[in-house]
PDB file of N, CA and C in Angstrom:
ATOM      1  N   MET A   1      24.110  -7.018  20.042  1.00  0.00           N
ATOM      2  CA  MET A   1      23.323  -7.762  19.089  1.00  0.00           C
ATOM      3  C   MET A   1      21.903  -7.989  19.594  1.00  0.00           C
ATOM      4  N   PHE A   2      21.748  -8.301  20.877  1.00  0.00           N
ATOM      5  CA  PHE A   2      20.424  -8.530  21.444  1.00  0.00           C
ATOM      6  C   PHE A   2      19.993  -7.318  22.233  1.00  0.00           C
ATOM      7  N   GLU A   3      18.703  -7.010  22.132  1.00  0.00           N
ATOM      8  CA  GLU A   3      18.170  -5.902  22.897  1.00  0.00           C
ATOM      9  C   GLU A   3      17.706  -6.402  24.256  1.00  0.00           C
ATOM     10  N   THR A   4      17.842  -5.549  25.245  1.00  0.00           N
ATOM     11  CA  THR A   4      17.343  -5.872  26.567  1.00  0.00           C
ATOM     12  C   THR A   4      15.867  -5.503  26.616  1.00  0.00           C
ATOM     13  N   THR A   5      15.046  -6.426  27.111  1.00  0.00           N
ATOM     14  CA  THR A   5      13.623  -6.152  27.236  1.00  0.00           C
ATOM     15  C   THR A   5      13.245  -6.145  28.698  1.00  0.00           C
ATOM     16  N   SER A   6      12.116  -5.525  28.986  1.00  0.00           N
ATOM     17  CA  SER A   6      11.656  -5.498  30.366  1.00  0.00           C
ATOM     18  C   SER A   6      11.263  -6.904  30.790  1.00  0.00           C
ATOM     19  N   LEU A   7      11.199  -7.120  32.075  1.00  0.00           N
ATOM     20  CA  LEU A   7      10.858  -8.441  32.583  1.00  0.00           C
ATOM     21  C   LEU A   7       9.415  -8.818  32.285  1.00  0.00           C
ATOM     22  N   THR A   8       8.576  -7.840  31.991  1.00  0.00           N
ATOM     23  CA  THR A   8       7.175  -8.121  31.715  1.00  0.00           C
ATOM     24  C   THR A   8       6.875  -8.235  30.220  1.00  0.00           C
ATOM     25  N   ALA A   9       7.848  -7.950  29.378  1.00  0.00           N
ATOM     26  CA  ALA A   9       7.616  -8.005  27.932  1.00  0.00           C
ATOM     27  C   ALA A   9       7.440  -9.450  27.481  1.00  0.00           C
ATOM     28  N   LYS A  10       6.458  -9.659  26.618  1.00  0.00           N
ATOM     29  CA  LYS A  10       6.258 -10.980  26.033  1.00  0.00           C
ATOM     30  C   LYS A  10       7.157 -11.077  24.807  1.00  0.00           C
ATOM     31  N   THR A  11       7.995 -12.079  24.766  1.00  0.00           N
ATOM     32  CA  THR A  11       8.941 -12.204  23.666  1.00  0.00           C
ATOM     33  C   THR A  11       8.923 -13.618  23.083  1.00  0.00           C
ATOM     34  N   ILE A  12       9.280 -13.681  21.824  1.00  0.00           N
ATOM     35  CA  ILE A  12       9.502 -14.951  21.137  1.00  0.00           C
ATOM     36  C   ILE A  12      10.827 -14.808  20.403  1.00  0.00           C
ATOM     37  N   VAL A  13      11.721 -15.728  20.626  1.00  0.00           N
ATOM     38  CA  VAL A  13      12.992 -15.728  19.903  1.00  0.00           C
ATOM     39  C   VAL A  13      12.750 -16.453  18.588  1.00  0.00           C
ATOM     40  N   VAL A  14      13.014 -15.759  17.475  1.00  0.00           N
ATOM     41  CA  VAL A  14      12.805 -16.344  16.150  1.00  0.00           C
ATOM     42  C   VAL A  14      14.170 -16.566  15.529  1.00  0.00           C
ATOM     43  N   ARG A  15      14.475 -17.820  15.255  1.00  0.00           N
ATOM     44  CA  ARG A  15      15.738 -18.203  14.622  1.00  0.00           C
ATOM     45  C   ARG A  15      15.466 -18.422  13.134  1.00  0.00           C
ATOM     46  N   ASN A  16      16.016 -17.544  12.307  1.00  0.00           N
ATOM     47  CA  ASN A  16      15.774 -17.587  10.871  1.00  0.00           C
ATOM     48  C   ASN A  16      16.918 -18.299  10.155  1.00  0.00           C
ATOM     49  N   LYS A  17      16.717 -18.557   8.883  1.00  0.00           N
ATOM     50  CA  LYS A  17      17.701 -19.139   7.973  1.00  0.00           C
ATOM     51  C   LYS A  17      17.950 -20.623   8.226  1.00  0.00           C
ATOM     52  N   ILE A  18      16.927 -21.328   8.694  1.00  0.00           N
ATOM     53  CA  ILE A  18      17.117 -22.758   8.925  1.00  0.00           C
ATOM     54  C   ILE A  18      17.319 -23.519   7.621  1.00  0.00           C
ATOM     55  N   ASP A  19      16.959 -22.891   6.500  1.00  0.00           N
ATOM     56  CA  ASP A  19      17.174 -23.538   5.203  1.00  0.00           C
ATOM     57  C   ASP A  19      18.661 -23.675   4.882  1.00  0.00           C
ATOM     58  N   LEU A  20      19.509 -22.911   5.562  1.00  0.00           N
ATOM     59  CA  LEU A  20      20.957 -22.980   5.326  1.00  0.00           C
ATOM     60  C   LEU A  20      21.651 -24.002   6.220  1.00  0.00           C
ATOM     61  N   CYS A  21      20.928 -24.571   7.167  1.00  0.00           N
ATOM     62  CA  CYS A  21      21.517 -25.517   8.121  1.00  0.00           C
ATOM     63  C   CYS A  21      21.442 -26.941   7.593  1.00  0.00           C
ATOM     64  N   LYS A  22      22.500 -27.682   7.808  1.00  0.00           N
ATOM     65  CA  LYS A  22      22.523 -29.074   7.389  1.00  0.00           C
ATOM     66  C   LYS A  22      21.721 -29.938   8.352  1.00  0.00           C
ATOM     67  N   ASN A  23      21.759 -29.594   9.632  1.00  0.00           N
ATOM     68  CA  ASN A  23      21.044 -30.343  10.663  1.00  0.00           C
ATOM     69  C   ASN A  23      19.669 -29.709  10.856  1.00  0.00           C
ATOM     70  N   ASN A  24      18.615 -30.438  10.535  1.00  0.00           N
ATOM     71  CA  ASN A  24      17.264 -29.904  10.664  1.00  0.00           C
ATOM     72  C   ASN A  24      16.543 -30.430  11.896  1.00  0.00           C
ATOM     73  N   ASN A  25      17.272 -30.766  12.924  1.00  0.00           N
ATOM     74  CA  ASN A  25      16.673 -31.282  14.155  1.00  0.00           C
ATOM     75  C   ASN A  25      16.394 -30.147  15.128  1.00  0.00           C
ATOM     76  N   PHE A  26      15.562 -29.208  14.717  1.00  0.00           N
ATOM     77  CA  PHE A  26      15.240 -28.059  15.545  1.00  0.00           C
ATOM     78  C   PHE A  26      14.050 -28.394  16.437  1.00  0.00           C
ATOM     79  N   VAL A  27      14.131 -27.956  17.668  1.00  0.00           N
ATOM     80  CA  VAL A  27      13.033 -28.179  18.603  1.00  0.00           C
ATOM     81  C   VAL A  27      12.449 -26.824  18.972  1.00  0.00           C
ATOM     82  N   ASP A  28      11.242 -26.576  18.472  1.00  0.00           N
ATOM     83  CA  ASP A  28      10.556 -25.330  18.792  1.00  0.00           C
ATOM     84  C   ASP A  28      10.022 -25.415  20.213  1.00  0.00           C
ATOM     85  N   SER A  29       9.903 -24.262  20.824  1.00  0.00           N
ATOM     86  CA  SER A  29       9.269 -24.185  22.137  1.00  0.00           C
ATOM     87  C   SER A  29       8.292 -23.030  22.106  1.00  0.00           C
ATOM     88  N   GLU A  30       7.631 -22.786  23.209  1.00  0.00           N
ATOM     89  CA  GLU A  30       6.656 -21.696  23.280  1.00  0.00           C
ATOM     90  C   GLU A  30       7.323 -20.343  23.087  1.00  0.00           C
ATOM     91  N   LYS A  31       8.600 -20.243  23.451  1.00  0.00           N
ATOM     92  CA  LYS A  31       9.309 -18.965  23.399  1.00  0.00           C
ATOM     93  C   LYS A  31      10.409 -18.918  22.353  1.00  0.00           C
ATOM     94  N   GLU A  32      10.613 -19.998  21.603  1.00  0.00           N
ATOM     95  CA  GLU A  32      11.664 -20.028  20.588  1.00  0.00           C
ATOM     96  C   GLU A  32      11.187 -20.832  19.381  1.00  0.00           C
ATOM     97  N   VAL A  33      11.269 -20.210  18.193  1.00  0.00           N
ATOM     98  CA  VAL A  33      10.771 -20.842  16.975  1.00  0.00           C
ATOM     99  C   VAL A  33      11.841 -20.740  15.894  1.00  0.00           C
ATOM    100  N   TYR A  34      11.998 -21.816  15.132  1.00  0.00           N
ATOM    101  CA  TYR A  34      12.954 -21.861  14.031  1.00  0.00           C
ATOM    102  C   TYR A  34      12.193 -21.742  12.715  1.00  0.00           C
ATOM    103  N   VAL A  35      12.626 -20.801  11.867  1.00  0.00           N
ATOM    104  CA  VAL A  35      11.921 -20.553  10.611  1.00  0.00           C
ATOM    105  C   VAL A  35      12.907 -20.338   9.468  1.00  0.00           C
ATOM    106  N   SER A  36      12.343 -20.369   8.265  1.00  0.00           N
ATOM    107  CA  SER A  36      13.062 -19.941   7.076  1.00  0.00           C
ATOM    108  C   SER A  36      12.149 -18.974   6.343  1.00  0.00           C
ATOM    109  N   ALA A  37      12.532 -17.718   6.294  1.00  0.00           N
ATOM    110  CA  ALA A  37      11.742 -16.733   5.560  1.00  0.00           C
ATOM    111  C   ALA A  37      11.783 -17.033   4.059  1.00  0.00           C
ATOM    112  N   LYS A  38      12.850 -17.659   3.615  1.00  0.00           N
ATOM    113  CA  LYS A  38      13.006 -17.963   2.190  1.00  0.00           C
ATOM    114  C   LYS A  38      12.053 -19.068   1.743  1.00  0.00           C
ATOM    115  N   THR A  39      11.945 -20.130   2.541  1.00  0.00           N
ATOM    116  CA  THR A  39      11.120 -21.278   2.148  1.00  0.00           C
ATOM    117  C   THR A  39       9.788 -21.340   2.880  1.00  0.00           C
ATOM    118  N   ASN A  40       9.581 -20.435   3.826  1.00  0.00           N
ATOM    119  CA  ASN A  40       8.377 -20.395   4.675  1.00  0.00           C
ATOM    120  C   ASN A  40       8.297 -21.551   5.667  1.00  0.00           C
ATOM    121  N   ALA A  41       9.357 -22.315   5.801  1.00  0.00           N
ATOM    122  CA  ALA A  41       9.362 -23.401   6.782  1.00  0.00           C
ATOM    123  C   ALA A  41       9.235 -22.817   8.185  1.00  0.00           C
ATOM    124  N   GLY A  42       8.353 -23.395   8.972  1.00  0.00           N
ATOM    125  CA  GLY A  42       8.182 -22.982  10.358  1.00  0.00           C
ATOM    126  C   GLY A  42       7.287 -21.780  10.573  1.00  0.00           C
ATOM    127  N   MET A  43       6.778 -21.189   9.495  1.00  0.00           N
ATOM    128  CA  MET A  43       5.940 -19.995   9.647  1.00  0.00           C
ATOM    129  C   MET A  43       4.636 -20.319  10.361  1.00  0.00           C
ATOM    130  N   ASP A  44       4.100 -21.521  10.140  1.00  0.00           N
ATOM    131  CA  ASP A  44       2.886 -21.912  10.848  1.00  0.00           C
ATOM    132  C   ASP A  44       3.148 -22.008  12.342  1.00  0.00           C
ATOM    133  N   LYS A  45       4.329 -22.489  12.711  1.00  0.00           N
ATOM    134  CA  LYS A  45       4.684 -22.580  14.135  1.00  0.00           C
ATOM    135  C   LYS A  45       4.907 -21.191  14.724  1.00  0.00           C
ATOM    136  N   LEU A  46       5.444 -20.279  13.917  1.00  0.00           N
ATOM    137  CA  LEU A  46       5.633 -18.909  14.386  1.00  0.00           C
ATOM    138  C   LEU A  46       4.284 -18.240  14.629  1.00  0.00           C
ATOM    139  N   THR A  47       3.348 -18.419  13.705  1.00  0.00           N
ATOM    140  CA  THR A  47       2.012 -17.855  13.882  1.00  0.00           C
ATOM    141  C   THR A  47       1.365 -18.427  15.142  1.00  0.00           C
ATOM    142  N   GLU A  48       1.513 -19.712  15.350  1.00  0.00           N
ATOM    143  CA  GLU A  48       0.958 -20.359  16.543  1.00  0.00           C
ATOM    144  C   GLU A  48       1.590 -19.802  17.814  1.00  0.00           C
ATOM    145  N   ALA A  49       2.902 -19.618  17.798  1.00  0.00           N
ATOM    146  CA  ALA A  49       3.598 -19.073  18.968  1.00  0.00           C
ATOM    147  C   ALA A  49       3.146 -17.643  19.261  1.00  0.00           C
ATOM    148  N   ILE A  50       2.953 -16.845  18.207  1.00  0.00           N
ATOM    149  CA  ILE A  50       2.480 -15.466  18.391  1.00  0.00           C
ATOM    150  C   ILE A  50       1.082 -15.477  19.005  1.00  0.00           C
ATOM    151  N   CYS A  51       0.217 -16.334  18.482  1.00  0.00           N
ATOM    152  CA  CYS A  51      -1.149 -16.418  19.010  1.00  0.00           C
ATOM    153  C   CYS A  51      -1.150 -16.850  20.472  1.00  0.00           C
ATOM    154  N   GLN A  52      -0.311 -17.812  20.819  1.00  0.00           N
ATOM    155  CA  GLN A  52      -0.232 -18.263  22.208  1.00  0.00           C
ATOM    156  C   GLN A  52       0.319 -17.158  23.106  1.00  0.00           C
ATOM    157  N   THR A  53       1.354 -16.492  22.652  1.00  0.00           N
ATOM    158  CA  THR A  53       1.979 -15.448  23.455  1.00  0.00           C
ATOM    159  C   THR A  53       1.033 -14.279  23.694  1.00  0.00           C
ATOM    160  N   LEU A  54       0.253 -13.933  22.667  1.00  0.00           N
ATOM    161  CA  LEU A  54      -0.663 -12.797  22.772  1.00  0.00           C
ATOM    162  C   LEU A  54      -2.068 -13.207  23.198  1.00  0.00           C
ATOM    163  N   ASP A  55      -2.246 -14.481  23.527  1.00  0.00           N
ATOM    164  CA  ASP A  55      -3.550 -15.004  23.948  1.00  0.00           C
ATOM    165  C   ASP A  55      -4.632 -14.735  22.909  1.00  0.00           C
ATOM    166  N   ILE A  56      -4.296 -14.970  21.643  1.00  0.00           N
ATOM    167  CA  ILE A  56      -5.242 -14.789  20.548  1.00  0.00           C
ATOM    168  C   ILE A  56      -5.899 -16.126  20.254  1.00  0.00           C
ATOM    169  N   VAL A  57      -7.220 -16.117  20.239  1.00  0.00           N
ATOM    170  CA  VAL A  57      -7.972 -17.325  19.933  1.00  0.00           C
ATOM    171  C   VAL A  57      -8.819 -17.037  18.712  1.00  0.00           C
ATOM    172  N   GLY A  58      -8.821 -17.938  17.774  1.00  0.00           N
ATOM    173  CA  GLY A  58      -9.657 -17.731  16.594  1.00  0.00           C
ATOM    174  C   GLY A  58      -9.044 -18.359  15.370  1.00  0.00           C
ATOM    175  N   ASN A  59      -9.638 -18.059  14.269  1.00  0.00           N
ATOM    176  CA  ASN A  59      -9.209 -18.587  12.984  1.00  0.00           C
ATOM    177  C   ASN A  59      -7.961 -17.836  12.528  1.00  0.00           C
ATOM    178  N   GLU A  60      -6.880 -18.556  12.265  1.00  0.00           N
ATOM    179  CA  GLU A  60      -5.620 -17.926  11.865  1.00  0.00           C
ATOM    180  C   GLU A  60      -5.755 -17.155  10.555  1.00  0.00           C
ATOM    181  N   GLU A  61      -6.660 -17.572   9.685  1.00  0.00           N
ATOM    182  CA  GLU A  61      -6.814 -16.893   8.407  1.00  0.00           C
ATOM    183  C   GLU A  61      -7.360 -15.483   8.572  1.00  0.00           C
ATOM    184  N   ASP A  62      -8.015 -15.223   9.704  1.00  0.00           N
ATOM    185  CA  ASP A  62      -8.585 -13.906   9.952  1.00  0.00           C
ATOM    186  C   ASP A  62      -7.606 -12.959  10.639  1.00  0.00           C
ATOM    187  N   LEU A  63      -6.444 -13.462  11.030  1.00  0.00           N
ATOM    188  CA  LEU A  63      -5.482 -12.640  11.743  1.00  0.00           C
ATOM    189  C   LEU A  63      -4.672 -11.779  10.790  1.00  0.00           C
ATOM    190  N   ILE A  64      -4.465 -10.536  11.186  1.00  0.00           N
ATOM    191  CA  ILE A  64      -3.618  -9.637  10.419  1.00  0.00           C
ATOM    192  C   ILE A  64      -2.627  -9.012  11.390  1.00  0.00           C
ATOM    193  N   PHE A  65      -1.355  -9.201  11.137  1.00  0.00           N
ATOM    194  CA  PHE A  65      -0.323  -8.572  11.940  1.00  0.00           C
ATOM    195  C   PHE A  65       0.181  -7.371  11.152  1.00  0.00           C
ATOM    196  N   SER A  66       0.173  -6.209  11.787  1.00  0.00           N
ATOM    197  CA  SER A  66       0.526  -4.999  11.062  1.00  0.00           C
ATOM    198  C   SER A  66       1.169  -3.991  12.006  1.00  0.00           C
ATOM    199  N   ARG A  67       1.934  -3.117  11.432  1.00  0.00           N
ATOM    200  CA  ARG A  67       2.491  -2.005  12.192  1.00  0.00           C
ATOM    201  C   ARG A  67       1.429  -0.919  12.313  1.00  0.00           C
ATOM    202  N   GLN A  68       1.533  -0.114  13.344  1.00  0.00           N
ATOM    203  CA  GLN A  68       0.560   0.944  13.578  1.00  0.00           C
ATOM    204  C   GLN A  68       0.481   1.898  12.391  1.00  0.00           C
ATOM    205  N   ARG A  69       1.618   2.193  11.759  1.00  0.00           N
ATOM    206  CA  ARG A  69       1.599   3.126  10.633  1.00  0.00           C
ATOM    207  C   ARG A  69       0.786   2.559   9.472  1.00  0.00           C
ATOM    208  N   HIS A  70       0.790   1.236   9.303  1.00  0.00           N
ATOM    209  CA  HIS A  70      -0.015   0.627   8.255  1.00  0.00           C
ATOM    210  C   HIS A  70      -1.498   0.740   8.584  1.00  0.00           C
ATOM    211  N   LEU A  71      -1.833   0.525   9.852  1.00  0.00           N
ATOM    212  CA  LEU A  71      -3.228   0.662  10.271  1.00  0.00           C
ATOM    213  C   LEU A  71      -3.703   2.098  10.102  1.00  0.00           C
ATOM    214  N   ASP A  72      -2.844   3.063  10.446  1.00  0.00           N
ATOM    215  CA  ASP A  72      -3.185   4.480  10.275  1.00  0.00           C
ATOM    216  C   ASP A  72      -3.419   4.804   8.799  1.00  0.00           C
ATOM    217  N   ALA A  73      -2.578   4.266   7.932  1.00  0.00           N
ATOM    218  CA  ALA A  73      -2.724   4.501   6.496  1.00  0.00           C
ATOM    219  C   ALA A  73      -4.030   3.899   5.981  1.00  0.00           C
ATOM    220  N   LEU A  74      -4.374   2.708   6.451  1.00  0.00           N
ATOM    221  CA  LEU A  74      -5.627   2.084   6.044  1.00  0.00           C
ATOM    222  C   LEU A  74      -6.834   2.899   6.497  1.00  0.00           C
ATOM    223  N   CYS A  75      -6.760   3.472   7.681  1.00  0.00           N
ATOM    224  CA  CYS A  75      -7.852   4.336   8.171  1.00  0.00           C
ATOM    225  C   CYS A  75      -7.995   5.568   7.292  1.00  0.00           C
ATOM    226  N   LEU A  76      -6.879   6.159   6.887  1.00  0.00           N
ATOM    227  CA  LEU A  76      -6.933   7.325   6.002  1.00  0.00           C
ATOM    228  C   LEU A  76      -7.558   6.966   4.658  1.00  0.00           C
ATOM    229  N   VAL A  77      -7.179   5.820   4.118  1.00  0.00           N
ATOM    230  CA  VAL A  77      -7.735   5.367   2.853  1.00  0.00           C
ATOM    231  C   VAL A  77      -9.238   5.116   2.994  1.00  0.00           C
ATOM    232  N   SER A  78      -9.623   4.475   4.077  1.00  0.00           N
ATOM    233  CA  SER A  78     -11.037   4.198   4.321  1.00  0.00           C
ATOM    234  C   SER A  78     -11.836   5.495   4.405  1.00  0.00           C
ATOM    235  N   ASN A  79     -11.332   6.464   5.128  1.00  0.00           N
ATOM    236  CA  ASN A  79     -12.015   7.759   5.249  1.00  0.00           C
ATOM    237  C   ASN A  79     -12.120   8.452   3.891  1.00  0.00           C
ATOM    238  N   SER A  80     -11.060   8.407   3.118  1.00  0.00           N
ATOM    239  CA  SER A  80     -11.075   9.030   1.788  1.00  0.00           C
ATOM    240  C   SER A  80     -12.095   8.360   0.887  1.00  0.00           C
ATOM    241  N   LEU A  81     -12.145   7.039   0.907  1.00  0.00           N
ATOM    242  CA  LEU A  81     -13.107   6.310   0.078  1.00  0.00           C
ATOM    243  C   LEU A  81     -14.544   6.611   0.491  1.00  0.00           C
ATOM    244  N   GLN A  82     -14.773   6.748   1.793  1.00  0.00           N
ATOM    245  CA  GLN A  82     -16.116   7.086   2.257  1.00  0.00           C
ATOM    246  C   GLN A  82     -16.533   8.472   1.765  1.00  0.00           C
ATOM    247  N   ARG A  83     -15.605   9.429   1.764  1.00  0.00           N
ATOM    248  CA  ARG A  83     -15.904  10.770   1.259  1.00  0.00           C
ATOM    249  C   ARG A  83     -16.202  10.730  -0.243  1.00  0.00           C
ATOM    250  N   VAL A  84     -15.416   9.960  -0.985  1.00  0.00           N
ATOM    251  CA  VAL A  84     -15.639   9.834  -2.430  1.00  0.00           C
ATOM    252  C   VAL A  84     -17.007   9.220  -2.697  1.00  0.00           C
ATOM    253  N   LEU A  85     -17.354   8.167  -1.965  1.00  0.00           N
ATOM    254  CA  LEU A  85     -18.659   7.541  -2.148  1.00  0.00           C
ATOM    255  C   LEU A  85     -19.795   8.509  -1.825  1.00  0.00           C
ATOM    256  N   ALA A  86     -19.616   9.284  -0.784  1.00  0.00           N
ATOM    257  CA  ALA A  86     -20.637  10.271  -0.418  1.00  0.00           C
ATOM    258  C   ALA A  86     -20.776  11.310  -1.528  1.00  0.00           C
ATOM    259  N   ASP A  87     -19.669  11.741  -2.091  1.00  0.00           N
ATOM    260  CA  ASP A  87     -19.713  12.715  -3.194  1.00  0.00           C
ATOM    261  C   ASP A  87     -20.408  12.130  -4.423  1.00  0.00           C
ATOM    262  N   ILE A  88     -20.111  10.873  -4.717  1.00  0.00           N
ATOM    263  CA  ILE A  88     -20.727  10.214  -5.874  1.00  0.00           C
ATOM    264  C   ILE A  88     -22.242  10.086  -5.662  1.00  0.00           C
ATOM    265  N   GLU A  89     -22.616   9.637  -4.463  1.00  0.00           N
ATOM    266  CA  GLU A  89     -24.047   9.500  -4.174  1.00  0.00           C
ATOM    267  C   GLU A  89     -24.745  10.857  -4.219  1.00  0.00           C
ATOM    268  N   GLY A  90     -24.069  11.913  -3.764  1.00  0.00           N
ATOM    269  CA  GLY A  90     -24.629  13.255  -3.797  1.00  0.00           C
ATOM    270  C   GLY A  90     -24.809  13.775  -5.224  1.00  0.00           C
ATOM    271  N   ALA A  91     -23.929  13.336  -6.112  1.00  0.00           N
ATOM    272  CA  ALA A  91     -24.006  13.769  -7.505  1.00  0.00           C
ATOM    273  C   ALA A  91     -25.189  13.142  -8.217  1.00  0.00           C
ATOM    274  N   TRP A  92     -25.645  11.990  -7.770  1.00  0.00           N
ATOM    275  CA  TRP A  92     -26.743  11.280  -8.417  1.00  0.00           C
ATOM    276  C   TRP A  92     -28.109  11.716  -7.899  1.00  0.00           C
ATOM    277  N   VAL A  93     -28.135  12.531  -6.863  1.00  0.00           N
ATOM    278  CA  VAL A  93     -29.419  12.947  -6.289  1.00  0.00           C
ATOM    279  C   VAL A  93     -30.041  14.049  -7.097  1.00  0.00           C
TER     280      VAL A  93
END
């Protein structure tokens, strides 16, 4: 059920489905956060824990967490849009 990680890996244990628990006396720590994906409870604490773990400082609203494949797709879209804009500008000359 649990994956083994290297001793140097930064990890956060995320306990989900707290909305189904009758006892809501959860104590978050730097390495363990309780959340509900359904109700968004604890998501602010999860974001804070991620920022602390990754040593991210700044405005949380500016943070984007993404998979590499999503970033690659966005780069492809950006490149395509730049080519289209160049073609449009070239057509008006």
